[in-house]
Amino acid sequence: MRRILAACSLIALVGCQGASGTPDRGSDTAPLPAIAAGIGADTLLTAVERLASDEFEGRAPGSDGETLTVAYLTEQFQALGLEPGNPDGTWVQNVPLVGITPIEGDTMTVSLGGDTRRLEPGVDYAAYTKRVVDEVEVDAEFVFVGYGAVAPEYDWNDFKDVDVSGKILLFLVNDPPSEDLFGGQAMTYYGRWTYKHEIAAEHGAAGALVIHETGPAGYPWEVVGSSPYGESFDLVADDRNMGRAAIEGWIQRDAAASLFEMAGLDFETEKAKAATADFQPVELRVVGQTRVRNSLRTIDSQNVVAKLQGIGAPDEVVLYMAHWDHLGKDDSLTGDQIYNGAADNATGTAGLLELARAFTAGEAPRRSVLFLAVTAEEQGLLGSRYYGEQPLYPAAQTVAALNMDVLNQWGRTNDLTIVGMGQSGLDQVANEIAGRLGRVLNPDPESEKGFYYRSDHFSFARVGIPAFYADPGVDYLDKPPGYGLEKREEYTANDYHAVSDEVKPDWDLSGALDDLTFMYHMGARLAATDEWPEWSATSEFRAIREQQRPGR
């Protein structure tokens, strides 16, 4: 897999590489080389700069930027000697999408008695429809449903027996706060805004708006409110869309508080009540009226997929992934109009190429390794969701899915952040690799933000495939305590989903090389052995895997 290294210091269960590149079952505690062969700062940065260039126009699905991105990735994978990853002999998996663009001009009117107010899109709320129709209208009362969680395992039901069909539901962001329930500080899927929209549809709601508060959400209002008329996508063949609430979206915290004030209630008081299991939905009696008109188009977006064929168990697959897409271009902006997405996720996509380079430095591994660059992550994990539901290789034969979404740009760290630590036996593999690299693993310091449910590995987890996601660490070498979290917060506040997410002159990719080396060794270990990582006993995904691989 790579050049021979002194003392054969490669990972044991992947094995030391001899002259032939074949695995050697050596010591599983020997130190590993600091940087895996094939992984380099120059090639990584070159790929990031190319993908994040203005020429690629923000890599939006269905744009000229997608055409350039798919061609570039295909060219790079082919040059590395990989083979097309689609069994039909092509480098892509078509992902049929429908583009939905709200038409400007509509607002939301809210009224109670003689008190009528108008909410402005982008300023007070952001609403759209996932129904593939030209127009929807809503004229309904608001009902506050707290966190909207229906979790029988926690004896928790925020809806109780209240009929909310035909209503516009207001949800708090995240899980109910609890040290003992809902994962404690860590977010569960009940806390994701996607879940809240799904549960609203199950209850027949006319609308579902999540109340945005910057701290709990983990990003500022501008992330959801800056482009209220931007195009969003969904899967074409998803008949479930017509059963969704007519409107979905977000409402700014102060705008939501004004609805409570109209009803003679205090938002913070009602929010505090929602933190208890005996919470009852609150009918505000305030009526909201709005319309969403759409411009529709259908496109075939594409996942790019390349494969390194295994020589011992080629039908068993270890999968690496990163999303290639970003937010495209907004012609309504003054000045810079391109969401280049350098960190998010040109870095992860370029990292995928670096991993492919490392794997192709020698002979093929025992199991096949798949390199999957997915589309439309920013639109709700659509490319990975489509692959999960229409896999090119059976889920039961997929050993693990390893995801990369935003690499470290700020230097080397002692640690790695494992998002969703405790979910599966992949943590044990990761811990062994980290130890041999002289690094430590830490749980996500921002677990309340639910990152495990916000990137593409989740699409694989939800279909039973053990999925792993490592974020950059926060304990930086030669930096003061707190530097890592400070940089995270700085990125979230200034660059996340902003046109300013560009390659910065002060980037230090040494930490990214360390992390890619870790990811390489982890996947190589899985590709060399016959082990099958399992979900933990408490994981919500375990039952699905047991059905896929009975008796394992």
Protein backbone atom coordinates (compact mmCIF):
# COMPACT_ATOMS: atom_id res chain seq x y z
CA MET A 1 0.00 0.00 0.00
CA ARG A 2 2.94 2.35 0.37
CA ARG A 3 6.72 2.48 0.46
CA ILE A 4 8.57 0.23 2.93
CA LEU A 5 9.15 2.02 6.21
CA ALA A 6 11.91 1.46 8.72
CA ALA A 7 11.20 -1.24 11.28
CA CYS A 8 7.99 -2.05 9.40
CA SER A 9 6.19 0.47 11.58
CA LEU A 10 2.72 0.13 10.21
CA ILE A 11 -0.42 -0.80 12.00
CA ALA A 12 -0.52 -4.38 13.08
CA LEU A 13 -3.96 -5.48 12.13
CA VAL A 14 -3.58 -3.82 8.80
CA GLY A 15 -0.10 -5.16 9.13
CA CYS A 16 3.38 -3.96 8.34
CA GLN A 17 4.03 -3.65 4.65
CA GLY A 18 6.77 -5.79 3.26
CA ALA A 19 8.26 -5.40 -0.17
CA SER A 20 5.17 -6.95 -1.73
CA GLY A 21 2.76 -4.70 0.16
CA THR A 22 0.96 -7.67 1.68
CA PRO A 23 -0.40 -7.45 5.23
CA ASP A 24 1.78 -8.78 8.02
CA ARG A 25 0.17 -9.57 11.37
CA GLY A 26 2.77 -7.73 13.41
CA SER A 27 2.61 -5.95 16.74
CA ASP A 28 -0.58 -4.01 17.33
CA THR A 29 1.14 -1.56 19.64
CA ALA A 30 4.16 -0.43 17.59
CA PRO A 31 4.23 3.31 16.76
CA LEU A 32 3.05 4.39 13.34
CA PRO A 33 4.71 6.87 10.98
CA ALA A 34 3.57 10.42 11.62
CA ILE A 35 2.22 10.92 8.10
CA ALA A 36 1.04 8.12 5.84
CA ALA A 37 2.82 7.82 2.50
CA GLY A 38 0.84 9.46 -0.29
CA ILE A 39 -0.66 12.13 1.94
CA GLY A 40 0.88 15.58 1.53
CA ALA A 41 0.16 19.23 2.24
CA ASP A 42 0.89 20.38 -1.31
CA THR A 43 -1.50 17.99 -3.03
CA LEU A 44 -4.16 18.55 -0.35
CA LEU A 45 -4.02 22.35 -0.66
CA THR A 46 -3.94 22.21 -4.46
CA ALA A 47 -7.17 20.20 -4.51
CA VAL A 48 -8.85 22.47 -1.95
CA GLU A 49 -7.92 25.58 -3.92
CA ARG A 50 -9.24 24.04 -7.12
CA LEU A 51 -12.55 22.91 -5.64
CA ALA A 52 -13.04 26.21 -3.78
CA SER A 53 -12.07 28.42 -6.70
CA ASP A 54 -14.51 31.00 -8.09
CA GLU A 55 -14.56 28.99 -11.33
CA PHE A 56 -16.48 26.24 -9.51
CA GLU A 57 -19.07 28.82 -8.34
CA GLY A 58 -19.72 27.24 -4.95
CA ARG A 59 -20.36 23.70 -6.27
CA ALA A 60 -24.16 23.83 -6.14
CA PRO A 61 -26.03 20.74 -7.35
CA GLY A 62 -27.33 21.18 -10.86
CA SER A 63 -24.96 24.03 -11.69
CA ASP A 64 -21.94 24.43 -13.96
CA GLY A 65 -19.99 24.07 -10.72
CA GLU A 66 -21.30 20.53 -10.33
CA THR A 67 -20.21 19.66 -13.86
CA LEU A 68 -16.70 20.94 -13.15
CA THR A 69 -16.55 19.21 -9.76
CA VAL A 70 -17.66 15.81 -11.06
CA ALA A 71 -15.22 16.03 -13.97
CA TYR A 72 -12.34 17.04 -11.68
CA LEU A 73 -12.95 14.26 -9.16
CA THR A 74 -13.37 11.65 -11.87
CA GLU A 75 -10.15 12.78 -13.51
CA GLN A 76 -8.27 12.65 -10.19
CA PHE A 77 -9.55 9.20 -9.21
CA GLN A 78 -8.78 7.85 -12.66
CA ALA A 79 -5.26 9.29 -12.60
CA LEU A 80 -4.65 7.50 -9.30
CA GLY A 81 -5.41 4.17 -10.93
CA LEU A 82 -8.74 3.50 -9.27
CA GLU A 83 -11.58 1.87 -11.14
CA PRO A 84 -15.13 3.20 -11.60
CA GLY A 85 -17.08 2.53 -8.43
CA ASN A 86 -20.49 2.02 -9.96
CA PRO A 87 -20.96 -1.65 -10.93
CA ASP A 88 -22.39 -0.40 -14.23
CA GLY A 89 -18.86 0.70 -15.16
CA THR A 90 -19.29 4.43 -14.60
CA TRP A 91 -17.74 6.84 -12.10
CA VAL A 92 -21.08 8.26 -10.93
CA GLN A 93 -24.36 7.38 -9.33
CA ASN A 94 -27.17 9.56 -10.65
CA VAL A 95 -29.19 11.21 -7.87
CA PRO A 96 -32.53 12.55 -9.20
CA LEU A 97 -33.34 15.83 -7.47
CA VAL A 98 -36.10 18.38 -7.64
CA GLY A 99 -35.05 21.99 -7.17
CA ILE A 100 -37.60 24.12 -5.32
CA THR A 101 -37.19 27.90 -5.39
CA PRO A 102 -39.65 30.10 -3.46
CA ILE A 103 -40.83 33.10 -5.45
CA GLU A 104 -40.37 36.50 -3.81
CA GLY A 105 -43.25 38.68 -2.68
CA ASP A 106 -45.08 36.75 0.03
CA THR A 107 -44.99 37.52 3.75
CA MET A 108 -46.66 36.07 6.83
CA THR A 109 -49.51 37.82 8.62
CA VAL A 110 -50.19 36.93 12.26
CA SER A 111 -53.28 38.10 14.07
CA LEU A 112 -55.29 37.74 17.26
CA GLY A 113 -58.42 39.79 17.66
CA GLY A 114 -57.64 43.30 16.45
CA ASP A 115 -53.86 42.84 16.73
CA THR A 116 -52.37 42.13 13.29
CA ARG A 117 -48.66 42.07 12.48
CA ARG A 118 -46.59 41.19 9.46
CA LEU A 119 -43.50 38.98 9.57
CA GLU A 120 -40.83 39.44 6.91
CA PRO A 121 -39.11 36.47 5.24
CA GLY A 122 -35.42 36.38 5.95
CA VAL A 123 -35.77 38.79 8.86
CA ASP A 124 -38.41 37.10 11.03
CA TYR A 125 -38.89 33.69 9.49
CA ALA A 126 -37.76 31.41 6.67
CA ALA A 127 -40.44 29.13 5.23
CA TYR A 128 -40.49 26.73 2.34
CA THR A 129 -42.42 23.68 1.24
CA LYS A 130 -41.07 20.23 0.49
CA ARG A 131 -44.22 19.43 -1.43
CA VAL A 132 -43.48 19.34 -5.13
CA VAL A 133 -46.25 21.77 -6.08
CA ASP A 134 -46.44 25.26 -7.54
CA GLU A 135 -48.08 26.82 -4.50
CA VAL A 136 -49.22 26.16 -0.93
CA GLU A 137 -51.30 28.34 1.38
CA VAL A 138 -51.66 28.11 5.15
CA ASP A 139 -54.25 29.81 7.37
CA ALA A 140 -54.04 28.22 10.79
CA GLU A 141 -53.49 28.74 14.49
CA PHE A 142 -50.10 28.43 16.15
CA VAL A 143 -49.56 25.72 18.74
CA PHE A 144 -46.40 25.56 20.85
CA VAL A 145 -45.36 21.91 21.25
CA GLY A 146 -42.18 22.44 23.28
CA TYR A 147 -39.39 20.26 21.93
CA GLY A 148 -41.83 18.09 20.00
CA ALA A 149 -40.29 14.85 21.24
CA VAL A 150 -42.24 11.59 21.21
CA ALA A 151 -39.85 9.19 22.93
CA PRO A 152 -41.54 6.19 24.58
CA GLU A 153 -38.19 4.88 25.84
CA TYR A 154 -37.97 8.00 28.00
CA ASP A 155 -41.71 8.05 28.82
CA TRP A 156 -41.89 11.41 27.09
CA ASN A 157 -44.56 12.75 24.75
CA ASP A 158 -44.76 16.48 24.13
CA PHE A 159 -48.00 16.13 22.18
CA LYS A 160 -49.97 14.25 24.88
CA ASP A 161 -53.47 13.69 23.45
CA VAL A 162 -53.83 17.15 21.87
CA ASP A 163 -55.02 17.16 18.27
CA VAL A 164 -52.66 19.44 16.36
CA SER A 165 -53.77 18.51 12.87
CA GLY A 166 -54.14 21.54 10.64
CA LYS A 167 -52.12 23.76 13.02
CA ILE A 168 -48.80 25.57 12.64
CA LEU A 169 -46.50 24.01 15.21
CA LEU A 170 -43.74 25.91 17.01
CA PHE A 171 -40.79 23.82 18.21
CA LEU A 172 -37.87 24.59 20.48
CA VAL A 173 -34.50 23.66 19.01
CA ASN A 174 -32.64 20.59 20.38
CA ASP A 175 -33.69 18.02 23.02
CA PRO A 176 -35.38 18.70 26.35
CA PRO A 177 -32.56 19.58 28.79
CA SER A 178 -31.82 16.65 31.07
CA GLU A 179 -28.81 15.03 32.71
CA ASP A 180 -30.47 11.60 32.69
CA LEU A 181 -32.62 11.57 29.55
CA PHE A 182 -32.06 12.23 25.86
CA GLY A 183 -28.35 11.55 26.04
CA GLY A 184 -27.69 14.11 28.76
CA GLN A 185 -25.74 16.92 27.16
CA ALA A 186 -25.44 15.08 23.84
CA MET A 187 -28.19 15.63 21.31
CA THR A 188 -30.30 12.69 20.16
CA TYR A 189 -32.17 12.55 16.88
CA TYR A 190 -35.22 13.93 18.72
CA GLY A 191 -33.35 17.23 18.88
CA ARG A 192 -32.71 17.59 15.16
CA TRP A 193 -34.84 20.03 13.22
CA THR A 194 -35.37 17.32 10.60
CA TYR A 195 -37.03 15.13 13.23
CA LYS A 196 -39.30 18.00 14.27
CA HIS A 197 -40.53 18.45 10.72
CA GLU A 198 -41.06 14.70 10.40
CA ILE A 199 -43.08 14.45 13.62
CA ALA A 200 -45.18 17.45 12.55
CA ALA A 201 -46.10 15.58 9.38
CA GLU A 202 -47.01 12.48 11.39
CA HIS A 203 -49.45 14.58 13.40
CA GLY A 204 -51.03 16.15 10.34
CA ALA A 205 -49.79 19.67 11.00
CA ALA A 206 -50.22 22.40 8.42
CA GLY A 207 -46.92 24.00 9.33
CA ALA A 208 -43.74 23.33 11.33
CA LEU A 209 -41.45 26.17 12.41
CA VAL A 210 -38.43 25.69 14.65
CA ILE A 211 -37.67 28.63 16.94
CA HIS A 212 -34.11 29.70 16.22
CA GLU A 213 -31.88 30.59 19.14
CA THR A 214 -28.21 30.98 18.23
CA GLY A 215 -26.73 29.27 21.30
CA PRO A 216 -28.75 26.04 21.19
CA ALA A 217 -28.79 25.90 17.38
CA GLY A 218 -25.03 26.26 17.13
CA TYR A 219 -25.11 28.81 14.30
CA PRO A 220 -26.45 32.35 13.81
CA TRP A 221 -29.80 33.27 12.28
CA GLU A 222 -28.09 34.30 9.04
CA VAL A 223 -27.38 30.66 8.24
CA VAL A 224 -31.10 30.00 7.73
CA GLY A 225 -32.41 33.50 7.12
CA SER A 226 -29.90 35.07 4.73
CA SER A 227 -31.36 33.46 1.58
CA PRO A 228 -35.12 32.97 2.07
CA TYR A 229 -35.60 32.63 -1.67
CA GLY A 230 -32.70 30.33 -2.35
CA GLU A 231 -33.21 27.07 -4.19
CA SER A 232 -33.47 23.95 -2.07
CA PHE A 233 -33.52 20.36 -3.23
CA ASP A 234 -35.13 17.07 -2.41
CA LEU A 235 -35.18 13.61 -3.93
CA VAL A 236 -37.51 13.37 -6.90
CA ALA A 237 -38.83 9.91 -6.16
CA ASP A 238 -39.73 10.65 -2.55
CA ASP A 239 -43.52 10.27 -2.37
CA ARG A 240 -43.29 11.00 1.36
CA ASN A 241 -42.98 14.70 0.54
CA MET A 242 -46.66 15.10 -0.24
CA GLY A 243 -47.50 13.98 3.29
CA ARG A 244 -45.34 16.65 4.89
CA ALA A 245 -46.62 19.85 6.45
CA ALA A 246 -47.49 22.46 3.83
CA ILE A 247 -44.80 24.80 5.14
CA GLU A 248 -41.64 24.05 7.09
CA GLY A 249 -38.83 26.25 8.27
CA TRP A 250 -37.61 28.49 11.06
CA ILE A 251 -38.81 31.49 13.01
CA GLN A 252 -36.43 33.94 14.65
CA ARG A 253 -36.52 33.87 18.46
CA ASP A 254 -37.78 37.43 18.91
CA ALA A 255 -40.46 36.97 16.27
CA ALA A 256 -41.64 33.83 18.06
CA ALA A 257 -41.64 35.66 21.41
CA SER A 258 -43.93 38.29 19.88
CA LEU A 259 -46.51 35.56 19.11
CA PHE A 260 -46.48 34.53 22.76
CA GLU A 261 -46.80 38.18 23.78
CA MET A 262 -49.86 38.56 21.51
CA ALA A 263 -51.38 35.58 23.35
CA GLY A 264 -50.66 37.15 26.75
CA LEU A 265 -47.85 34.68 27.49
CA ASP A 266 -44.13 34.97 28.21
CA PHE A 267 -41.92 32.94 25.91
CA GLU A 268 -39.22 32.19 28.48
CA THR A 269 -41.81 31.01 31.01
CA GLU A 270 -43.40 28.64 28.50
CA LYS A 271 -39.98 27.47 27.37
CA ALA A 272 -39.11 26.51 30.96
CA LYS A 273 -42.32 24.48 31.24
CA ALA A 274 -41.34 22.55 28.11
CA ALA A 275 -38.32 21.15 29.95
CA THR A 276 -40.55 18.85 32.02
CA ALA A 277 -42.22 15.60 31.01
CA ASP A 278 -45.68 16.87 32.07
CA PHE A 279 -45.57 19.68 29.50
CA GLN A 280 -48.83 20.24 27.63
CA PRO A 281 -49.03 21.83 24.17
CA VAL A 282 -49.99 25.50 24.31
CA GLU A 283 -52.62 26.77 21.88
CA LEU A 284 -51.71 30.41 21.29
CA ARG A 285 -54.92 31.27 19.40
CA VAL A 286 -52.77 33.47 17.15
CA VAL A 287 -53.54 32.81 13.47
CA GLY A 288 -50.83 32.74 10.84
CA GLN A 289 -51.51 33.26 7.17
CA THR A 290 -48.91 32.79 4.46
CA ARG A 291 -48.36 31.51 0.97
CA VAL A 292 -45.33 29.91 -0.64
CA ARG A 293 -45.10 29.91 -4.42
CA ASN A 294 -42.48 27.80 -6.11
CA SER A 295 -40.46 27.57 -9.27
CA LEU A 296 -39.63 23.90 -9.88
CA ARG A 297 -37.00 22.08 -11.89
CA THR A 298 -35.68 18.54 -11.93
CA ILE A 299 -32.04 17.60 -12.35
CA ASP A 300 -29.84 14.55 -12.21
CA SER A 301 -27.14 15.37 -9.72
CA GLN A 302 -24.34 12.90 -9.16
CA ASN A 303 -22.44 11.07 -6.48
CA VAL A 304 -18.88 10.38 -7.64
CA VAL A 305 -17.69 6.90 -6.74
CA ALA A 306 -14.32 5.17 -7.20
CA LYS A 307 -13.15 1.76 -6.03
CA LEU A 308 -9.95 -0.03 -5.13
CA GLN A 309 -10.71 -3.73 -5.65
CA GLY A 310 -9.90 -6.04 -2.77
CA ILE A 311 -7.82 -9.13 -3.41
CA GLY A 312 -9.14 -11.39 -0.66
CA ALA A 313 -12.74 -10.44 -0.01
CA PRO A 314 -13.65 -8.06 -2.87
CA ASP A 315 -17.39 -8.22 -2.12
CA GLU A 316 -16.83 -6.73 1.34
CA VAL A 317 -16.54 -2.94 1.29
CA VAL A 318 -14.94 -0.31 3.51
CA LEU A 319 -16.34 3.07 2.50
CA TYR A 320 -14.85 6.55 2.82
CA MET A 321 -17.05 9.55 2.08
CA ALA A 322 -17.11 13.33 1.90
CA HIS A 323 -19.65 15.69 0.37
CA TRP A 324 -18.46 17.70 -2.63
CA ASP A 325 -21.30 20.22 -2.74
CA HIS A 326 -21.74 23.63 -1.18
CA LEU A 327 -24.23 26.51 -1.49
CA GLY A 328 -23.44 27.83 -4.93
CA LYS A 329 -23.84 31.46 -5.90
CA ASP A 330 -26.28 34.19 -4.83
CA ASP A 331 -26.64 36.91 -7.45
CA SER A 332 -28.63 39.09 -5.04
CA LEU A 333 -25.60 39.69 -2.83
CA THR A 334 -23.52 42.84 -3.10
CA GLY A 335 -19.84 42.15 -3.60
CA ASP A 336 -18.77 38.54 -3.19
CA GLN A 337 -21.59 36.31 -4.39
CA ILE A 338 -19.90 32.90 -4.30
CA TYR A 339 -20.15 30.48 -1.39
CA ASN A 340 -16.79 28.85 -2.11
CA GLY A 341 -17.07 26.32 0.72
CA ALA A 342 -13.33 25.95 1.17
CA ALA A 343 -13.44 24.40 4.63
CA ASP A 344 -16.95 23.01 4.13
CA ASN A 345 -16.26 20.79 2.36
CA ALA A 346 -13.54 21.27 -0.19
CA THR A 347 -11.15 20.14 2.56
CA GLY A 348 -12.97 16.86 3.15
CA THR A 349 -13.33 16.19 -0.58
CA ALA A 350 -9.63 16.91 -1.13
CA GLY A 351 -8.94 14.62 1.84
CA LEU A 352 -10.81 11.85 0.03
CA LEU A 353 -8.34 12.21 -2.84
CA GLU A 354 -5.43 12.08 -0.39
CA LEU A 355 -6.73 8.85 1.11
CA ALA A 356 -7.11 7.37 -2.36
CA ARG A 357 -3.51 8.39 -3.08
CA ALA A 358 -2.34 6.62 0.09
CA PHE A 359 -4.25 3.43 -0.73
CA THR A 360 -2.96 3.28 -4.31
CA ALA A 361 0.69 3.51 -3.25
CA GLY A 362 0.92 -0.29 -3.29
CA GLU A 363 -1.06 -3.48 -3.72
CA ALA A 364 -4.76 -3.71 -3.10
CA PRO A 365 -6.11 -4.53 0.39
CA ARG A 366 -7.99 -7.68 1.32
CA ARG A 367 -11.39 -5.94 1.17
CA SER A 368 -12.49 -3.43 -1.43
CA VAL A 369 -12.27 0.26 -0.52
CA LEU A 370 -14.86 2.66 -1.88
CA PHE A 371 -14.30 6.42 -2.19
CA LEU A 372 -17.65 8.20 -2.34
CA ALA A 373 -18.04 11.95 -2.94
CA VAL A 374 -21.71 12.69 -2.39
CA THR A 375 -23.93 15.49 -3.59
CA ALA A 376 -26.51 17.68 -1.84
CA GLU A 377 -25.34 17.25 1.75
CA GLU A 378 -26.17 20.91 2.33
CA GLN A 379 -29.72 20.20 1.16
CA GLY A 380 -30.40 17.59 3.85
CA LEU A 381 -27.88 14.78 3.24
CA LEU A 382 -29.65 13.92 -0.01
CA GLY A 383 -26.79 12.31 -1.92
CA SER A 384 -25.81 10.05 0.94
CA ARG A 385 -29.45 9.34 1.72
CA TYR A 386 -30.01 8.25 -1.86
CA TYR A 387 -26.97 5.97 -1.69
CA GLY A 388 -28.19 4.55 1.62
CA GLU A 389 -31.59 3.77 0.12
CA GLN A 390 -30.23 2.72 -3.30
CA PRO A 391 -26.80 1.26 -2.42
CA LEU A 392 -24.35 0.25 -5.11
CA TYR A 393 -23.02 -2.39 -2.70
CA PRO A 394 -25.31 -4.13 -0.19
CA ALA A 395 -25.45 -2.67 3.30
CA ALA A 396 -24.92 -6.16 4.73
CA GLN A 397 -21.58 -6.33 2.87
CA THR A 398 -20.46 -2.82 3.84
CA VAL A 399 -18.13 -3.07 6.81
CA ALA A 400 -18.15 0.58 7.85
CA ALA A 401 -18.62 4.11 6.54
CA LEU A 402 -15.97 6.68 7.50
CA ASN A 403 -16.91 10.32 6.96
CA MET A 404 -14.92 13.54 6.58
CA ASP A 405 -16.63 16.92 6.81
CA VAL A 406 -14.36 19.99 7.34
CA LEU A 407 -10.71 19.18 8.02
CA ASN A 408 -8.46 20.93 10.52
CA GLN A 409 -7.05 24.23 9.19
CA TRP A 410 -5.35 25.52 12.35
CA GLY A 411 -2.41 23.23 13.15
CA ARG A 412 -1.61 20.00 14.96
CA THR A 413 -3.55 18.65 17.93
CA ASN A 414 -2.88 16.02 20.54
CA ASP A 415 -6.45 14.78 20.24
CA LEU A 416 -9.19 13.87 17.82
CA THR A 417 -12.85 14.60 18.43
CA ILE A 418 -15.10 11.57 17.94
CA VAL A 419 -18.62 12.67 17.14
CA GLY A 420 -21.07 10.11 18.45
CA MET A 421 -18.53 8.38 20.69
CA GLY A 422 -20.01 5.22 22.15
CA GLN A 423 -22.17 4.38 19.16
CA SER A 424 -20.19 1.40 17.87
CA GLY A 425 -17.15 -0.82 18.05
CA LEU A 426 -15.45 1.49 15.56
CA ASP A 427 -14.44 3.51 18.62
CA GLN A 428 -12.23 0.62 19.73
CA VAL A 429 -10.51 0.47 16.36
CA ALA A 430 -10.06 4.23 16.44
CA ASN A 431 -8.62 4.13 19.95
CA GLU A 432 -6.00 1.54 18.96
CA ILE A 433 -4.95 3.56 15.91
CA ALA A 434 -4.82 6.81 17.87
CA GLY A 435 -2.66 5.21 20.55
CA ARG A 436 -0.13 4.05 17.98
CA LEU A 437 -0.02 7.55 16.55
CA GLY A 438 0.56 9.05 19.98
CA ARG A 439 -2.83 10.73 20.06
CA VAL A 440 -5.92 10.55 22.23
CA LEU A 441 -9.63 10.48 21.42
CA ASN A 442 -12.12 12.77 23.08
CA PRO A 443 -15.90 12.96 22.84
CA ASP A 444 -17.46 15.89 21.05
CA PRO A 445 -17.19 18.98 23.30
CA GLU A 446 -20.29 20.37 21.56
CA SER A 447 -22.39 17.21 21.66
CA GLU A 448 -25.48 19.28 22.39
CA LYS A 449 -25.38 20.47 18.75
CA GLY A 450 -26.08 16.98 17.41
CA PHE A 451 -23.31 16.80 14.81
CA TYR A 452 -23.73 13.01 14.59
CA TYR A 453 -27.07 13.61 12.90
CA ARG A 454 -25.89 16.48 10.70
CA SER A 455 -23.45 14.93 8.27
CA ASP A 456 -23.47 12.16 5.69
CA HIS A 457 -22.44 9.27 7.91
CA PHE A 458 -25.92 9.50 9.46
CA SER A 459 -27.45 8.33 6.18
CA PHE A 460 -25.44 5.13 6.56
CA ALA A 461 -26.12 4.74 10.27
CA ARG A 462 -29.85 4.93 9.73
CA VAL A 463 -29.67 1.95 7.33
CA GLY A 464 -27.60 -0.07 9.80
CA ILE A 465 -24.03 0.42 8.57
CA PRO A 466 -21.62 1.28 11.42
CA ALA A 467 -20.67 4.88 10.71
CA PHE A 468 -17.79 6.92 12.05
CA TYR A 469 -17.15 10.65 12.07
CA ALA A 470 -14.04 12.29 13.50
CA ASP A 471 -13.84 16.07 13.86
CA PRO A 472 -10.59 17.96 14.41
CA GLY A 473 -9.31 17.96 17.97
CA VAL A 474 -9.34 20.96 20.26
CA ASP A 475 -6.07 20.45 22.23
CA TYR A 476 -3.64 22.26 19.93
CA LEU A 477 0.11 21.86 20.21
CA ASP A 478 1.88 25.06 21.26
CA LYS A 479 -1.42 26.88 21.68
CA PRO A 480 -3.05 28.14 24.90
CA PRO A 481 -5.93 26.20 26.51
CA GLY A 482 -9.24 26.99 24.87
CA TYR A 483 -7.69 27.85 21.50
CA GLY A 484 -9.43 24.98 19.72
CA LEU A 485 -12.91 25.83 20.90
CA GLU A 486 -12.22 29.50 20.23
CA LYS A 487 -11.36 28.70 16.60
CA ARG A 488 -14.48 26.55 16.25
CA GLU A 489 -16.67 29.36 17.54
CA GLU A 490 -14.89 31.87 15.32
CA TYR A 491 -15.48 29.72 12.25
CA THR A 492 -19.16 29.18 13.12
CA ALA A 493 -19.77 32.87 13.69
CA ASN A 494 -17.84 34.22 10.71
CA ASP A 495 -17.43 31.62 7.96
CA TYR A 496 -19.92 28.77 8.35
CA HIS A 497 -22.21 28.85 5.29
CA ALA A 498 -20.91 32.31 4.45
CA VAL A 499 -19.18 33.68 1.35
CA SER A 500 -16.11 34.17 3.54
CA ASP A 501 -15.47 30.40 3.71
CA GLU A 502 -12.41 30.64 1.48
CA VAL A 503 -8.82 29.42 1.70
CA LYS A 504 -7.15 31.67 4.27
CA PRO A 505 -3.51 32.78 4.09
CA ASP A 506 -2.92 31.64 7.69
CA TRP A 507 -4.19 28.08 7.19
CA ASP A 508 -1.96 25.42 8.72
CA LEU A 509 -2.83 22.02 7.27
CA SER A 510 -0.36 20.04 9.38
CA GLY A 511 -3.22 18.94 11.63
CA ALA A 512 -5.25 17.87 8.59
CA LEU A 513 -2.38 15.62 7.51
CA ASP A 514 -2.32 14.04 10.98
CA ASP A 515 -6.06 13.45 10.87
CA LEU A 516 -5.96 12.01 7.35
CA THR A 517 -3.18 9.66 8.45
CA PHE A 518 -5.42 8.49 11.27
CA MET A 519 -8.34 7.99 8.88
CA TYR A 520 -6.11 6.08 6.45
CA HIS A 521 -4.86 3.66 9.09
CA MET A 522 -8.34 3.13 10.45
CA GLY A 523 -9.78 2.22 7.05
CA ALA A 524 -6.73 0.16 6.12
CA ARG A 525 -7.08 -1.84 9.32
CA LEU A 526 -10.72 -2.57 8.54
CA ALA A 527 -9.86 -3.42 4.92
CA ALA A 528 -7.16 -5.91 5.93
CA THR A 529 -9.05 -7.97 8.52
CA ASP A 530 -12.17 -10.10 8.59
CA GLU A 531 -13.74 -8.33 11.57
CA TRP A 532 -17.16 -6.69 11.44
CA PRO A 533 -17.65 -3.78 13.87
CA GLU A 534 -20.98 -3.81 15.66
CA TRP A 535 -23.23 -1.14 17.04
CA SER A 536 -23.20 -0.76 20.80
CA ALA A 537 -25.98 -2.32 22.84
CA THR A 538 -27.54 1.11 23.44
CA SER A 539 -27.37 2.34 19.85
CA GLU A 540 -30.64 3.04 18.08
CA PHE A 541 -29.13 1.52 14.91
CA ARG A 542 -28.21 -1.90 16.32
CA ALA A 543 -31.51 -3.62 15.53
CA ILE A 544 -31.26 -2.74 11.84
CA ARG A 545 -27.78 -4.24 11.58
CA GLU A 546 -28.84 -7.41 13.35
CA GLN A 547 -31.55 -7.88 10.74
CA GLN A 548 -29.01 -7.37 7.95
CA ARG A 549 -26.47 -9.76 9.40
CA PRO A 550 -28.41 -12.27 11.52
CA GLY A 551 -26.37 -14.51 13.77
CA ARG A 552 -23.31 -12.26 13.70
